[in-house]
Amino acid sequence: MSKIMFMVGETSGDTLAVELFKAMQSEGMEVNAFGAGGPKMKEAGIDLKIDLSEHAVIGIWEAVRNYRKFKGFFDQLLSLALKEKPEAIICIDNPGFNLRFVRAIRKATAGSDWDPKIIYYISPQLWAWHSSRVRQISDDVDLLLSIFPFEKAWYAKHAPGFPVDFVGHPLCDRYPDLEFSDPKIIHEPRRLLLLPGSRSKELSRHLPVMVEAAKAVEAEPLIVLPNESLAAQARLLIPEVADWDIQVGDMEKALSRADVAIASSGTVTLECAWFRVPTVVLYKTSWITYLLGRLFIRVKHIAMPNVMAEREVFPEFIQSAATGENLARQANNYLDEPHRRIELREQLDVIADSLGGKGAAIRAAKSINHLLDN
């Protein structure tokens, strides 16, 4: 039986870890899994030592403000790894924490008889910012599992010889064989989906401007949040939305019924693309984080469909540009102009086709199994 430590820090990573864990089991791997993550991992039978997902923050300034708390988690997990000596450590996303963790593991184990395999699932977005860290990740990580097709070529150019497997995107398995309505047709009444984010800070920054935009769009609004805690926060933040339709979970149902969406930049924008939902993207963060980001970010876009297409497929608005007026104007354009929806559908079909097809978690599990057997 292989002892595997999972290092997960966010809600999206919690889901990825469970999918990978189950795929490893389906491939016949006997796994004793433990580590940091979220409630889904615990439900799946992974021995959860710390729930990092409930402490997730985003942005440089936010991380600095919470340094002491995360340093405590870091030290606990490093001590745990050194005590348990797992055969492999699987880090899922969360690069600010995980890249430092694997470096600490390499330093702590240098010259010892314990040499764990380090696997990174979901590449840190080094191609977007901080490309200088490619040297560190190629030194410290034994295998990188990529979910975007352009990443393998990027690493081949910037870190020749570093093992990277493109396994495909998990969306292809979560929502397979979807059938889409004619883009010329929309519902009556029209349906507007609001996706403010999965963190408390995102909700407080994004929901007010989304509500402002929704009031200027002739469509029935639906707010979707990942848990009851955020739904309660939404009702307290803007009391009038207590009478609106607020849905917890079941993203598939919401996306399959939406005519247009206004979404926080993040994983959800790719879900919107997969469901072929015309989407307007926004992101607001602290001004310190924003200004630091402008210094380091090397890509032109923040929404992943736009990054993949290398052009603005979904309109995106950042910081002061993310106004109710701007968001509503673009949402209304999608609702009122069938030719825009038809053109967008063609672009989203190309993006979806590039994501690798079904079997991402199985391919990832096979890559890990091969690494551990050699």
Protein backbone atom coordinates (compact mmCIF):
# COMPACT_ATOMS: atom_id res chain seq x y z
CA MET A 1 0.00 0.00 0.00
CA SER A 2 1.33 3.43 -0.98
CA LYS A 3 1.28 6.17 1.63
CA ILE A 4 0.34 9.40 -0.17
CA MET A 5 0.18 12.91 1.27
CA PHE A 6 -2.19 15.38 -0.42
CA MET A 7 -1.53 19.12 -0.17
CA VAL A 8 -4.69 21.04 -1.08
CA GLY A 9 -5.58 24.59 -0.08
CA GLU A 10 -8.72 25.59 -1.95
CA THR A 11 -12.26 24.42 -2.69
CA SER A 12 -11.49 23.64 -6.34
CA GLY A 13 -8.46 21.60 -5.29
CA ASP A 14 -10.61 19.67 -2.81
CA THR A 15 -12.72 18.41 -5.72
CA LEU A 16 -9.66 17.63 -7.85
CA ALA A 17 -8.07 15.62 -5.04
CA VAL A 18 -11.16 13.46 -4.61
CA GLU A 19 -11.40 12.81 -8.35
CA LEU A 20 -7.73 11.83 -8.46
CA PHE A 21 -7.96 9.69 -5.32
CA LYS A 22 -10.92 7.74 -6.71
CA ALA A 23 -9.17 7.35 -10.07
CA MET A 24 -6.10 5.96 -8.32
CA GLN A 25 -8.30 3.43 -6.54
CA SER A 26 -10.04 2.48 -9.78
CA GLU A 27 -6.62 1.82 -11.32
CA GLY A 28 -5.96 -0.74 -8.60
CA MET A 29 -3.68 1.41 -6.47
CA GLU A 30 -3.93 0.74 -2.74
CA VAL A 31 -3.56 4.17 -1.20
CA ASN A 32 -3.27 5.28 2.40
CA ALA A 33 -4.02 8.97 1.86
CA PHE A 34 -3.75 11.84 4.33
CA GLY A 35 -2.90 15.53 4.39
CA ALA A 36 -4.44 18.98 4.03
CA GLY A 37 -7.52 19.79 2.03
CA GLY A 38 -11.24 20.21 2.43
CA PRO A 39 -14.48 18.46 3.44
CA LYS A 40 -14.89 16.50 0.20
CA MET A 41 -11.54 14.80 0.79
CA LYS A 42 -12.63 13.84 4.29
CA GLU A 43 -15.90 12.39 2.97
CA ALA A 44 -13.94 10.36 0.39
CA GLY A 45 -11.88 8.67 3.08
CA ILE A 46 -8.73 10.77 3.03
CA ASP A 47 -7.39 11.36 6.54
CA LEU A 48 -7.75 15.13 6.72
CA LYS A 49 -5.27 16.63 9.17
CA ILE A 50 -5.96 20.32 8.41
CA ASP A 51 -8.83 21.89 6.47
CA LEU A 52 -6.94 24.54 4.53
CA SER A 53 -9.82 25.20 2.14
CA GLU A 54 -11.77 27.14 4.76
CA HIS A 55 -8.80 29.49 5.22
CA ALA A 56 -8.15 30.17 1.52
CA VAL A 57 -7.22 33.73 0.59
CA ILE A 58 -6.37 35.28 -2.74
CA GLY A 59 -3.89 38.00 -3.58
CA ILE A 60 -0.43 38.93 -2.38
CA TRP A 61 -1.53 41.44 0.24
CA GLU A 62 -4.14 39.08 1.68
CA ALA A 63 -1.52 36.35 2.02
CA VAL A 64 0.88 38.70 3.78
CA ARG A 65 -1.80 39.77 6.27
CA ASN A 66 -2.43 36.12 7.15
CA TYR A 67 1.23 35.12 7.23
CA ARG A 68 1.34 34.00 10.86
CA LYS A 69 -1.69 31.76 10.50
CA PHE A 70 -0.37 30.06 7.37
CA LYS A 71 3.11 29.72 8.84
CA GLY A 72 1.52 27.72 11.65
CA PHE A 73 -0.23 25.43 9.17
CA PHE A 74 2.99 25.12 7.16
CA ASP A 75 5.03 24.03 10.17
CA GLN A 76 2.39 21.52 11.24
CA LEU A 77 2.26 19.92 7.79
CA LEU A 78 6.03 19.82 7.40
CA SER A 79 6.35 18.07 10.76
CA LEU A 80 3.60 15.66 9.72
CA ALA A 81 5.36 14.81 6.46
CA LEU A 82 8.68 14.24 8.21
CA LYS A 83 6.96 11.98 10.72
CA GLU A 84 4.84 9.93 8.29
CA LYS A 85 7.41 9.78 5.43
CA PRO A 86 4.90 9.23 2.60
CA GLU A 87 6.03 7.61 -0.63
CA ALA A 88 4.69 10.56 -2.57
CA ILE A 89 3.39 14.07 -1.94
CA ILE A 90 0.74 15.32 -4.34
CA CYS A 91 0.41 19.11 -4.41
CA ILE A 92 -2.72 20.47 -6.05
CA ASP A 93 -2.60 24.10 -7.21
CA ASN A 94 -2.14 26.64 -4.32
CA PRO A 95 1.41 27.56 -5.47
CA GLY A 96 2.12 30.26 -2.88
CA PHE A 97 1.94 27.60 -0.16
CA ASN A 98 2.84 24.42 -2.00
CA LEU A 99 6.00 25.53 -3.82
CA ARG A 100 7.47 26.66 -0.52
CA PHE A 101 6.39 23.39 1.05
CA VAL A 102 8.12 21.18 -1.52
CA ARG A 103 11.28 23.27 -1.26
CA ALA A 104 11.23 22.77 2.51
CA ILE A 105 10.74 19.02 2.00
CA ARG A 106 13.74 18.85 -0.34
CA LYS A 107 15.93 20.74 2.14
CA ALA A 108 14.77 18.65 5.07
CA THR A 109 15.37 15.34 3.29
CA ALA A 110 18.70 16.13 1.65
CA GLY A 111 21.13 13.34 2.51
CA SER A 112 18.46 11.25 4.29
CA ASP A 113 17.08 7.84 3.36
CA TRP A 114 13.63 9.30 2.66
CA ASP A 115 13.26 10.72 -0.85
CA PRO A 116 9.55 11.18 -1.61
CA LYS A 117 8.26 11.63 -5.13
CA ILE A 118 6.81 15.12 -5.52
CA ILE A 119 3.90 15.40 -7.94
CA TYR A 120 2.28 18.71 -8.83
CA TYR A 121 -1.25 18.53 -10.22
CA ILE A 122 -2.38 21.72 -11.96
CA SER A 123 0.58 23.80 -12.99
CA PRO A 124 1.26 27.01 -11.12
CA GLN A 125 0.60 29.78 -13.63
CA LEU A 126 4.27 30.53 -14.13
CA TRP A 127 3.50 31.39 -17.75
CA ALA A 128 1.35 34.26 -16.44
CA TRP A 129 3.70 35.63 -13.80
CA HIS A 130 6.88 34.77 -11.92
CA SER A 131 8.36 32.65 -14.72
CA SER A 132 11.66 32.76 -12.83
CA ARG A 133 10.24 30.10 -10.50
CA VAL A 134 10.37 27.52 -13.29
CA ARG A 135 13.91 26.66 -12.14
CA GLN A 136 12.69 25.87 -8.64
CA ILE A 137 9.76 23.75 -9.74
CA SER A 138 11.90 21.77 -12.18
CA ASP A 139 14.44 21.13 -9.40
CA ASP A 140 11.96 20.19 -6.68
CA VAL A 141 9.13 18.41 -8.53
CA ASP A 142 9.39 14.94 -10.06
CA LEU A 143 6.28 15.15 -12.25
CA LEU A 144 3.91 17.92 -13.26
CA LEU A 145 0.39 17.02 -14.39
CA SER A 146 -0.97 19.73 -16.66
CA ILE A 147 -4.63 20.35 -17.48
CA PHE A 148 -4.11 22.95 -20.23
CA PRO A 149 -2.72 22.00 -23.65
CA PHE A 150 -0.30 24.93 -24.07
CA GLU A 151 1.57 24.27 -20.81
CA LYS A 152 3.58 21.24 -21.95
CA ALA A 153 5.18 23.26 -24.78
CA TRP A 154 5.80 26.19 -22.42
CA TYR A 155 7.73 24.01 -19.98
CA ALA A 156 9.63 22.31 -22.80
CA LYS A 157 10.87 25.74 -23.83
CA HIS A 158 11.63 27.11 -20.35
CA ALA A 159 12.73 23.92 -18.54
CA PRO A 160 13.92 21.33 -21.10
CA GLY A 161 13.79 17.81 -19.74
CA PHE A 162 11.34 18.58 -16.94
CA PRO A 163 8.66 15.82 -17.02
CA VAL A 164 5.23 17.30 -17.80
CA ASP A 165 2.20 15.18 -18.73
CA PHE A 166 -0.84 16.87 -20.26
CA VAL A 167 -3.66 14.78 -18.79
CA GLY A 168 -6.62 16.90 -19.90
CA HIS A 169 -9.09 19.01 -17.98
CA PRO A 170 -11.38 17.48 -15.31
CA LEU A 171 -14.36 19.38 -16.76
CA CYS A 172 -14.45 16.85 -19.58
CA ASP A 173 -15.38 14.17 -17.02
CA ARG A 174 -17.55 16.23 -14.70
CA TYR A 175 -19.93 17.34 -17.42
CA PRO A 176 -19.60 14.97 -20.39
CA ASP A 177 -21.89 14.66 -23.40
CA LEU A 178 -23.69 17.95 -22.95
CA GLU A 179 -26.32 19.02 -25.44
CA PHE A 180 -26.61 22.72 -26.21
CA SER A 181 -29.55 24.74 -27.39
CA ASP A 182 -29.46 26.83 -30.55
CA PRO A 183 -27.53 30.03 -29.67
CA LYS A 184 -30.11 32.08 -31.54
CA ILE A 185 -32.75 31.05 -28.98
CA ILE A 186 -32.98 32.25 -25.38
CA HIS A 187 -35.47 31.52 -22.60
CA GLU A 188 -38.56 33.51 -21.78
CA PRO A 189 -38.17 35.03 -19.27
CA ARG A 190 -34.47 35.46 -19.87
CA ARG A 191 -32.07 34.05 -17.26
CA LEU A 192 -29.05 35.83 -15.79
CA LEU A 193 -26.55 33.84 -13.72
CA LEU A 194 -24.43 35.65 -11.11
CA LEU A 195 -21.25 33.89 -9.94
CA PRO A 196 -19.45 36.17 -7.46
CA GLY A 197 -16.79 33.68 -6.31
CA SER A 198 -16.04 31.03 -3.72
CA ARG A 199 -14.33 33.16 -1.05
CA SER A 200 -15.75 35.63 1.43
CA LYS A 201 -13.59 38.52 0.17
CA GLU A 202 -14.59 37.84 -3.43
CA LEU A 203 -18.23 37.89 -2.45
CA SER A 204 -17.95 41.21 -0.62
CA ARG A 205 -16.14 42.83 -3.54
CA HIS A 206 -18.08 41.34 -6.43
CA LEU A 207 -21.68 40.89 -5.33
CA PRO A 208 -22.58 44.59 -4.88
CA VAL A 209 -21.51 45.49 -8.41
CA MET A 210 -23.16 42.35 -9.80
CA VAL A 211 -26.43 43.28 -8.14
CA GLU A 212 -26.15 46.77 -9.59
CA ALA A 213 -25.62 45.26 -13.05
CA ALA A 214 -28.49 42.79 -12.65
CA LYS A 215 -30.92 45.63 -12.03
CA ALA A 216 -30.06 46.99 -15.48
CA VAL A 217 -30.51 43.66 -17.27
CA GLU A 218 -33.96 42.48 -18.30
CA ALA A 219 -33.56 38.93 -17.04
CA GLU A 220 -34.33 36.87 -13.95
CA PRO A 221 -31.19 36.77 -11.76
CA LEU A 222 -29.90 33.63 -10.05
CA ILE A 223 -26.98 33.81 -7.62
CA VAL A 224 -25.01 30.57 -7.19
CA LEU A 225 -22.67 30.10 -4.23
CA PRO A 226 -20.71 27.02 -3.11
CA ASN A 227 -21.97 26.83 0.48
CA GLU A 228 -24.59 28.04 2.96
CA SER A 229 -22.09 30.24 4.79
CA LEU A 230 -21.53 32.39 1.71
CA ALA A 231 -25.27 32.43 0.98
CA ALA A 232 -25.89 33.80 4.48
CA GLN A 233 -23.14 36.38 3.93
CA ALA A 234 -24.80 37.45 0.68
CA ARG A 235 -28.11 38.06 2.42
CA LEU A 236 -26.42 40.12 5.14
CA LEU A 237 -24.27 42.05 2.67
CA ILE A 238 -27.17 43.10 0.46
CA PRO A 239 -30.47 42.49 2.29
CA GLU A 240 -32.56 42.95 -0.85
CA VAL A 241 -31.09 39.78 -2.41
CA ALA A 242 -32.78 37.75 0.34
CA ASP A 243 -35.81 37.81 -1.95
CA TRP A 244 -33.76 36.79 -4.98
CA ASP A 245 -33.12 33.23 -6.05
CA ILE A 246 -29.92 32.12 -4.27
CA GLN A 247 -28.78 28.60 -5.04
CA VAL A 248 -26.17 26.65 -3.10
CA GLY A 249 -24.19 24.24 -5.26
CA ASP A 250 -25.54 22.35 -8.30
CA MET A 251 -23.55 24.47 -10.75
CA GLU A 252 -24.43 22.11 -13.60
CA LYS A 253 -28.14 22.89 -13.35
CA ALA A 254 -27.53 26.62 -13.14
CA LEU A 255 -25.19 26.72 -16.12
CA SER A 256 -27.39 24.50 -18.26
CA ARG A 257 -30.30 26.93 -17.85
CA ALA A 258 -28.47 30.28 -18.12
CA ASP A 259 -28.77 32.64 -21.07
CA VAL A 260 -25.93 34.86 -19.88
CA ALA A 261 -23.60 35.00 -16.87
CA ILE A 262 -21.62 37.58 -14.95
CA ALA A 263 -18.77 35.75 -13.25
CA SER A 264 -15.75 36.32 -11.08
CA SER A 265 -12.52 35.45 -12.84
CA GLY A 266 -11.40 31.98 -11.84
CA THR A 267 -12.10 28.32 -12.55
CA VAL A 268 -15.78 29.10 -13.06
CA THR A 269 -15.09 31.05 -16.27
CA LEU A 270 -13.89 27.84 -17.91
CA GLU A 271 -17.04 26.08 -16.66
CA CYS A 272 -19.08 28.82 -18.30
CA ALA A 273 -17.15 28.23 -21.53
CA TRP A 274 -17.68 24.45 -21.29
CA PHE A 275 -21.44 24.98 -20.96
CA ARG A 276 -21.27 27.54 -23.81
CA VAL A 277 -22.76 30.29 -21.63
CA PRO A 278 -22.04 33.85 -22.84
CA THR A 279 -20.19 35.38 -19.89
CA VAL A 280 -18.99 38.77 -18.71
CA VAL A 281 -15.98 38.48 -16.39
CA LEU A 282 -14.94 40.78 -13.57
CA TYR A 283 -12.35 40.84 -10.86
CA LYS A 284 -11.80 43.25 -7.98
CA THR A 285 -9.07 42.84 -5.37
CA SER A 286 -7.17 45.06 -2.96
CA TRP A 287 -5.33 47.89 -4.69
CA ILE A 288 -2.00 46.70 -3.32
CA THR A 289 -2.53 43.25 -4.84
CA TYR A 290 -3.73 44.80 -8.09
CA LEU A 291 -0.72 47.11 -8.43
CA LEU A 292 1.71 44.31 -7.59
CA GLY A 293 -0.06 42.10 -10.12
CA ARG A 294 0.39 44.69 -12.86
CA LEU A 295 4.12 44.64 -12.20
CA PHE A 296 4.48 40.87 -12.53
CA ILE A 297 1.68 39.44 -14.67
CA ARG A 298 2.84 38.64 -18.18
CA VAL A 299 -0.45 37.70 -19.89
CA LYS A 300 -2.99 40.10 -21.35
CA HIS A 301 -6.11 38.43 -19.93
CA ILE A 302 -7.34 37.05 -16.60
CA ALA A 303 -10.18 34.72 -17.71
CA MET A 304 -8.83 31.30 -18.69
CA PRO A 305 -10.90 31.02 -21.91
CA ASN A 306 -9.29 34.30 -23.00
CA VAL A 307 -5.82 33.08 -22.01
CA MET A 308 -6.33 29.89 -24.03
CA ALA A 309 -7.66 31.76 -27.07
CA GLU A 310 -5.04 34.52 -26.73
CA ARG A 311 -7.77 37.10 -27.26
CA GLU A 312 -10.83 38.44 -25.47
CA VAL A 313 -13.49 35.79 -25.99
CA PHE A 314 -15.34 36.82 -22.82
CA PRO A 315 -15.38 40.56 -22.04
CA GLU A 316 -13.47 41.18 -18.83
CA PHE A 317 -13.40 44.13 -16.46
CA ILE A 318 -10.87 44.62 -13.65
CA GLN A 319 -10.90 46.95 -10.63
CA SER A 320 -12.45 50.36 -11.38
CA ALA A 321 -13.59 49.18 -14.83
CA ALA A 322 -15.80 46.57 -13.15
CA THR A 323 -18.87 48.79 -12.85
CA GLY A 324 -22.50 47.81 -12.91
CA GLU A 325 -22.93 49.85 -16.07
CA ASN A 326 -20.12 48.08 -17.95
CA LEU A 327 -21.22 44.61 -16.86
CA ALA A 328 -24.87 45.26 -17.70
CA ARG A 329 -24.03 46.67 -21.12
CA GLN A 330 -22.11 43.56 -22.15
CA ALA A 331 -24.72 41.20 -20.68
CA ASN A 332 -27.49 43.01 -22.56
CA ASN A 333 -25.47 42.82 -25.77
CA TYR A 334 -25.34 39.05 -25.48
CA LEU A 335 -29.07 38.85 -24.77
CA ASP A 336 -30.12 41.25 -27.52
CA GLU A 337 -27.73 40.32 -30.35
CA PRO A 338 -28.06 36.72 -31.66
CA HIS A 339 -25.07 37.12 -33.99
CA ARG A 340 -22.80 37.69 -30.96
CA ARG A 341 -24.03 34.48 -29.36
CA ILE A 342 -23.50 32.52 -32.58
CA GLU A 343 -19.96 33.84 -33.01
CA LEU A 344 -19.15 33.14 -29.38
CA ARG A 345 -20.46 29.56 -29.63
CA GLU A 346 -18.01 28.82 -32.40
CA GLN A 347 -15.11 30.17 -30.34
CA LEU A 348 -16.13 28.22 -27.23
CA ASP A 349 -16.43 24.99 -29.24
CA VAL A 350 -12.77 25.33 -30.24
CA ILE A 351 -11.69 25.98 -26.64
CA ALA A 352 -13.69 23.00 -25.33
CA ASP A 353 -12.27 20.67 -27.98
CA SER A 354 -8.71 21.50 -26.89
CA LEU A 355 -9.20 20.32 -23.30
CA GLY A 356 -8.30 16.69 -23.86
CA GLY A 357 -11.59 14.78 -23.66
CA LYS A 358 -12.77 12.35 -21.02
CA GLY A 359 -10.42 10.55 -18.64
CA ALA A 360 -8.30 13.34 -17.12
CA ALA A 361 -8.20 11.89 -13.60
CA ILE A 362 -7.53 8.37 -14.91
CA ARG A 363 -4.65 9.62 -17.05
CA ALA A 364 -3.28 11.51 -14.04
CA ALA A 365 -3.54 8.38 -11.88
CA LYS A 366 -1.72 6.31 -14.51
CA SER A 367 1.08 8.86 -14.69
CA ILE A 368 1.46 8.78 -10.91
CA ASN A 369 1.40 4.98 -10.84
CA HIS A 370 4.07 4.84 -13.53
CA LEU A 371 6.26 7.28 -11.59
CA LEU A 372 5.94 5.29 -8.37
CA ASP A 373 6.73 2.00 -10.14
CA ASN A 374 9.96 3.31 -11.63
